[in-house]
Amino acid sequence: MKKLVLLVMAVGAISFISCDATKSASDSASDMSTQASSTMDDASSQMDDASDKMDDMSNMSTDEMKSYLMNNEDAQQKLKTELINNKSEVQKKAIDYVKTNPEAKSKVAGFLKQNPNAKGKLLEYVFSNPELTNKLMSYIGSNPELLKQAMSLIGM
């Protein structure tokens, strides 16, 4: 009889512990699901914001794009990075501009003599000079097709 009572108590204790562990695991899984859902909602919201921004840019006039580029430090920084690091038509035209425009050419002549084949380095040099940077950004902004390509480079 004692053995039977002990057996029943043991089975009851094991069942209680098992149910408690199952509830705890269920609660943890529910918490993880809630966190994952929240993270997915945040990512979806960010993607929607980026999509809205791209839609806004595609509806902008050339003057609005130029104003955005000329007045937005973040956009200019992104464009500088793209022009220095990635070969593109915009990079080629930017390099040609600073090599051929009389005002810009006179400012980069010494650099070009010392580094005739350093295309990326030339743009780094240009972007280290605020006056040359402004001339190059104005050049890009004044050419509608080049401006569209530049905005595309920075994800706009």
C-alpha atoms as a PDB file:
ATOM      1  CA  MET A   1       0.000   0.000   0.000  1.00  0.00           C
ATOM      2  CA  LYS A   2       2.819   2.380   0.853  1.00  0.00           C
ATOM      3  CA  LYS A   3       4.420   1.584  -2.487  1.00  0.00           C
ATOM      4  CA  LEU A   4       1.185   2.371  -4.292  1.00  0.00           C
ATOM      5  CA  VAL A   5       0.810   5.724  -2.494  1.00  0.00           C
ATOM      6  CA  LEU A   6       4.451   6.581  -3.248  1.00  0.00           C
ATOM      7  CA  LEU A   7       3.973   5.603  -6.896  1.00  0.00           C
ATOM      8  CA  VAL A   8       0.838   7.785  -7.197  1.00  0.00           C
ATOM      9  CA  MET A   9       2.641  10.724  -5.552  1.00  0.00           C
ATOM     10  CA  ALA A  10       5.629  10.320  -7.866  1.00  0.00           C
ATOM     11  CA  VAL A  11       3.445  10.185 -10.974  1.00  0.00           C
ATOM     12  CA  GLY A  12       1.535  13.270  -9.770  1.00  0.00           C
ATOM     13  CA  ALA A  13       4.747  15.207  -9.137  1.00  0.00           C
ATOM     14  CA  ILE A  14       6.159  14.257 -12.540  1.00  0.00           C
ATOM     15  CA  SER A  15       2.914  15.292 -14.251  1.00  0.00           C
ATOM     16  CA  PHE A  16       2.912  18.622 -12.413  1.00  0.00           C
ATOM     17  CA  ILE A  17       6.555  19.318 -13.353  1.00  0.00           C
ATOM     18  CA  SER A  18       5.913  18.233 -16.934  1.00  0.00           C
ATOM     19  CA  CYS A  19       2.874  20.508 -17.270  1.00  0.00           C
ATOM     20  CA  ASP A  20       4.777  23.421 -15.726  1.00  0.00           C
ATOM     21  CA  ALA A  21       7.705  22.873 -18.148  1.00  0.00           C
ATOM     22  CA  THR A  22       5.313  22.658 -21.099  1.00  0.00           C
ATOM     23  CA  LYS A  23       3.611  25.898 -20.040  1.00  0.00           C
ATOM     24  CA  SER A  24       6.997  27.602 -19.659  1.00  0.00           C
ATOM     25  CA  ALA A  25       8.123  26.396 -23.098  1.00  0.00           C
ATOM     26  CA  SER A  26       4.822  27.522 -24.586  1.00  0.00           C
ATOM     27  CA  ASP A  27       5.201  30.971 -23.001  1.00  0.00           C
ATOM     28  CA  SER A  28       8.781  31.258 -24.313  1.00  0.00           C
ATOM     29  CA  ALA A  29       7.681  30.266 -27.794  1.00  0.00           C
ATOM     30  CA  SER A  30       4.871  32.815 -27.652  1.00  0.00           C
ATOM     31  CA  ASP A  31       7.302  35.556 -26.547  1.00  0.00           C
ATOM     32  CA  MET A  32       9.708  34.658 -29.362  1.00  0.00           C
ATOM     33  CA  SER A  33       6.862  34.714 -31.870  1.00  0.00           C
ATOM     34  CA  THR A  34       5.776  38.156 -30.642  1.00  0.00           C
ATOM     35  CA  GLN A  35       9.352  39.463 -30.919  1.00  0.00           C
ATOM     36  CA  ALA A  36       9.757  38.019 -34.418  1.00  0.00           C
ATOM     37  CA  SER A  37       6.458  39.556 -35.488  1.00  0.00           C
ATOM     38  CA  SER A  38       7.520  42.939 -34.094  1.00  0.00           C
ATOM     39  CA  THR A  39      10.871  42.733 -35.920  1.00  0.00           C
ATOM     40  CA  MET A  40       9.142  41.808 -39.172  1.00  0.00           C
ATOM     41  CA  ASP A  41       6.710  44.722 -38.735  1.00  0.00           C
ATOM     42  CA  ASP A  42       9.649  47.101 -38.210  1.00  0.00           C
ATOM     43  CA  ALA A  43      11.418  45.788 -41.326  1.00  0.00           C
ATOM     44  CA  SER A  44       8.234  46.068 -43.357  1.00  0.00           C
ATOM     45  CA  SER A  45       7.744  49.637 -42.175  1.00  0.00           C
ATOM     46  CA  GLN A  46      11.319  50.521 -43.162  1.00  0.00           C
ATOM     47  CA  MET A  47      10.823  48.975 -46.600  1.00  0.00           C
ATOM     48  CA  ASP A  48       7.585  50.946 -47.031  1.00  0.00           C
ATOM     49  CA  ASP A  49       9.402  54.159 -46.054  1.00  0.00           C
ATOM     50  CA  ALA A  50      12.179  53.430 -48.572  1.00  0.00           C
ATOM     51  CA  SER A  51       9.616  52.651 -51.271  1.00  0.00           C
ATOM     52  CA  ASP A  52       7.753  55.884 -50.523  1.00  0.00           C
ATOM     53  CA  LYS A  53      11.032  57.815 -50.717  1.00  0.00           C
ATOM     54  CA  MET A  54      11.843  56.229 -54.098  1.00  0.00           C
ATOM     55  CA  ASP A  55       8.341  57.045 -55.346  1.00  0.00           C
ATOM     56  CA  ASP A  56       8.806  60.631 -54.191  1.00  0.00           C
ATOM     57  CA  MET A  57      12.120  60.866 -56.073  1.00  0.00           C
ATOM     58  CA  SER A  58      10.689  59.395 -59.267  1.00  0.00           C
ATOM     59  CA  ASN A  59       8.011  62.085 -59.221  1.00  0.00           C
ATOM     60  CA  MET A  60      10.493  64.931 -58.665  1.00  0.00           C
ATOM     61  CA  SER A  61      11.296  67.398 -61.370  1.00  0.00           C
ATOM     62  CA  THR A  62      14.890  67.990 -62.409  1.00  0.00           C
ATOM     63  CA  ASP A  63      14.953  71.235 -60.424  1.00  0.00           C
ATOM     64  CA  GLU A  64      13.686  69.441 -57.326  1.00  0.00           C
ATOM     65  CA  MET A  65      16.315  66.706 -57.720  1.00  0.00           C
ATOM     66  CA  LYS A  66      19.030  69.323 -58.151  1.00  0.00           C
ATOM     67  CA  SER A  67      17.849  71.195 -55.076  1.00  0.00           C
ATOM     68  CA  TYR A  68      17.750  67.955 -53.086  1.00  0.00           C
ATOM     69  CA  LEU A  69      21.292  67.024 -54.109  1.00  0.00           C
ATOM     70  CA  MET A  70      22.730  70.491 -53.567  1.00  0.00           C
ATOM     71  CA  ASN A  71      21.090  70.973 -50.153  1.00  0.00           C
ATOM     72  CA  ASN A  72      21.299  67.489 -48.662  1.00  0.00           C
ATOM     73  CA  GLU A  73      24.673  66.667 -47.080  1.00  0.00           C
ATOM     74  CA  ASP A  74      23.777  62.982 -46.731  1.00  0.00           C
ATOM     75  CA  ALA A  75      22.929  62.688 -50.434  1.00  0.00           C
ATOM     76  CA  GLN A  76      26.166  64.453 -51.382  1.00  0.00           C
ATOM     77  CA  GLN A  77      28.197  62.181 -49.117  1.00  0.00           C
ATOM     78  CA  LYS A  78      26.585  59.070 -50.627  1.00  0.00           C
ATOM     79  CA  LEU A  79      27.288  60.380 -54.129  1.00  0.00           C
ATOM     80  CA  LYS A  80      30.919  61.158 -53.264  1.00  0.00           C
ATOM     81  CA  THR A  81      31.370  57.622 -51.940  1.00  0.00           C
ATOM     82  CA  GLU A  82      29.780  56.112 -55.048  1.00  0.00           C
ATOM     83  CA  LEU A  83      31.861  58.267 -57.397  1.00  0.00           C
ATOM     84  CA  ILE A  84      35.106  57.346 -55.634  1.00  0.00           C
ATOM     85  CA  ASN A  85      34.461  53.632 -55.179  1.00  0.00           C
ATOM     86  CA  ASN A  86      32.340  52.464 -58.111  1.00  0.00           C
ATOM     87  CA  LYS A  87      32.905  52.761 -61.815  1.00  0.00           C
ATOM     88  CA  SER A  88      29.920  54.302 -63.529  1.00  0.00           C
ATOM     89  CA  GLU A  89      29.041  56.665 -66.326  1.00  0.00           C
ATOM     90  CA  VAL A  90      28.654  59.416 -63.736  1.00  0.00           C
ATOM     91  CA  GLN A  91      32.179  58.745 -62.430  1.00  0.00           C
ATOM     92  CA  LYS A  92      33.593  58.861 -65.964  1.00  0.00           C
ATOM     93  CA  LYS A  93      31.848  62.150 -66.736  1.00  0.00           C
ATOM     94  CA  ALA A  94      32.890  63.654 -63.389  1.00  0.00           C
ATOM     95  CA  ILE A  95      36.535  62.795 -64.075  1.00  0.00           C
ATOM     96  CA  ASP A  96      36.296  64.159 -67.612  1.00  0.00           C
ATOM     97  CA  TYR A  97      34.761  67.367 -66.238  1.00  0.00           C
ATOM     98  CA  VAL A  98      37.547  68.062 -63.730  1.00  0.00           C
ATOM     99  CA  LYS A  99      40.172  67.242 -66.362  1.00  0.00           C
ATOM    100  CA  THR A 100      38.696  69.490 -69.056  1.00  0.00           C
ATOM    101  CA  ASN A 101      36.830  72.347 -67.354  1.00  0.00           C
ATOM    102  CA  PRO A 102      39.278  75.287 -67.341  1.00  0.00           C
ATOM    103  CA  GLU A 103      38.512  76.368 -63.770  1.00  0.00           C
ATOM    104  CA  ALA A 104      38.673  72.862 -62.329  1.00  0.00           C
ATOM    105  CA  LYS A 105      41.611  71.790 -64.507  1.00  0.00           C
ATOM    106  CA  SER A 106      43.806  74.615 -63.245  1.00  0.00           C
ATOM    107  CA  LYS A 107      43.148  73.459 -59.661  1.00  0.00           C
ATOM    108  CA  VAL A 108      43.939  69.786 -60.311  1.00  0.00           C
ATOM    109  CA  ALA A 109      46.815  70.214 -62.769  1.00  0.00           C
ATOM    110  CA  GLY A 110      49.522  69.489 -60.183  1.00  0.00           C
ATOM    111  CA  PHE A 111      47.720  66.410 -58.933  1.00  0.00           C
ATOM    112  CA  LEU A 112      47.238  65.124 -62.480  1.00  0.00           C
ATOM    113  CA  LYS A 113      50.976  65.486 -63.215  1.00  0.00           C
ATOM    114  CA  GLN A 114      51.885  63.468 -60.136  1.00  0.00           C
ATOM    115  CA  ASN A 115      49.094  60.869 -60.542  1.00  0.00           C
ATOM    116  CA  PRO A 116      48.057  60.620 -64.214  1.00  0.00           C
ATOM    117  CA  ASN A 117      46.213  57.285 -63.880  1.00  0.00           C
ATOM    118  CA  ALA A 118      44.628  57.610 -60.439  1.00  0.00           C
ATOM    119  CA  LYS A 119      40.956  58.163 -61.345  1.00  0.00           C
ATOM    120  CA  GLY A 120      39.580  57.355 -57.885  1.00  0.00           C
ATOM    121  CA  LYS A 121      42.337  59.336 -56.238  1.00  0.00           C
ATOM    122  CA  LEU A 122      41.569  62.313 -58.466  1.00  0.00           C
ATOM    123  CA  LEU A 123      38.016  62.395 -57.173  1.00  0.00           C
ATOM    124  CA  GLU A 124      39.248  62.028 -53.588  1.00  0.00           C
ATOM    125  CA  TYR A 125      41.460  65.050 -54.252  1.00  0.00           C
ATOM    126  CA  VAL A 126      38.539  66.979 -55.760  1.00  0.00           C
ATOM    127  CA  PHE A 127      36.302  66.149 -52.783  1.00  0.00           C
ATOM    128  CA  SER A 128      38.976  67.333 -50.362  1.00  0.00           C
ATOM    129  CA  ASN A 129      38.592  70.817 -51.869  1.00  0.00           C
ATOM    130  CA  PRO A 130      35.203  72.442 -51.090  1.00  0.00           C
ATOM    131  CA  GLU A 131      35.377  74.747 -54.115  1.00  0.00           C
ATOM    132  CA  LEU A 132      36.015  71.861 -56.517  1.00  0.00           C
ATOM    133  CA  THR A 133      33.355  69.757 -54.797  1.00  0.00           C
ATOM    134  CA  ASN A 134      30.818  72.534 -55.293  1.00  0.00           C
ATOM    135  CA  LYS A 135      31.796  72.939 -58.965  1.00  0.00           C
ATOM    136  CA  LEU A 136      31.451  69.197 -59.588  1.00  0.00           C
ATOM    137  CA  MET A 137      28.104  68.946 -57.765  1.00  0.00           C
ATOM    138  CA  SER A 138      26.835  71.976 -59.725  1.00  0.00           C
ATOM    139  CA  TYR A 139      27.983  70.347 -62.967  1.00  0.00           C
ATOM    140  CA  ILE A 140      26.121  67.139 -62.128  1.00  0.00           C
ATOM    141  CA  GLY A 141      23.042  69.110 -61.036  1.00  0.00           C
ATOM    142  CA  SER A 142      22.978  71.182 -64.220  1.00  0.00           C
ATOM    143  CA  ASN A 143      22.915  68.153 -66.521  1.00  0.00           C
ATOM    144  CA  PRO A 144      19.455  66.498 -66.211  1.00  0.00           C
ATOM    145  CA  GLU A 145      20.486  63.101 -67.562  1.00  0.00           C
ATOM    146  CA  LEU A 146      23.623  62.980 -65.427  1.00  0.00           C
ATOM    147  CA  LEU A 147      21.607  64.122 -62.413  1.00  0.00           C
ATOM    148  CA  LYS A 148      19.129  61.256 -62.884  1.00  0.00           C
ATOM    149  CA  GLN A 149      22.031  58.788 -63.101  1.00  0.00           C
ATOM    150  CA  ALA A 150      23.618  60.288 -59.975  1.00  0.00           C
ATOM    151  CA  MET A 151      20.354  60.032 -58.046  1.00  0.00           C
ATOM    152  CA  SER A 152      20.041  56.441 -59.160  1.00  0.00           C
ATOM    153  CA  LEU A 153      23.560  55.736 -57.853  1.00  0.00           C
ATOM    154  CA  ILE A 154      22.547  56.864 -54.386  1.00  0.00           C
ATOM    155  CA  GLY A 155      19.336  54.858 -54.431  1.00  0.00           C
ATOM    156  CA  MET A 156      16.895  57.605 -55.246  1.00  0.00           C
END
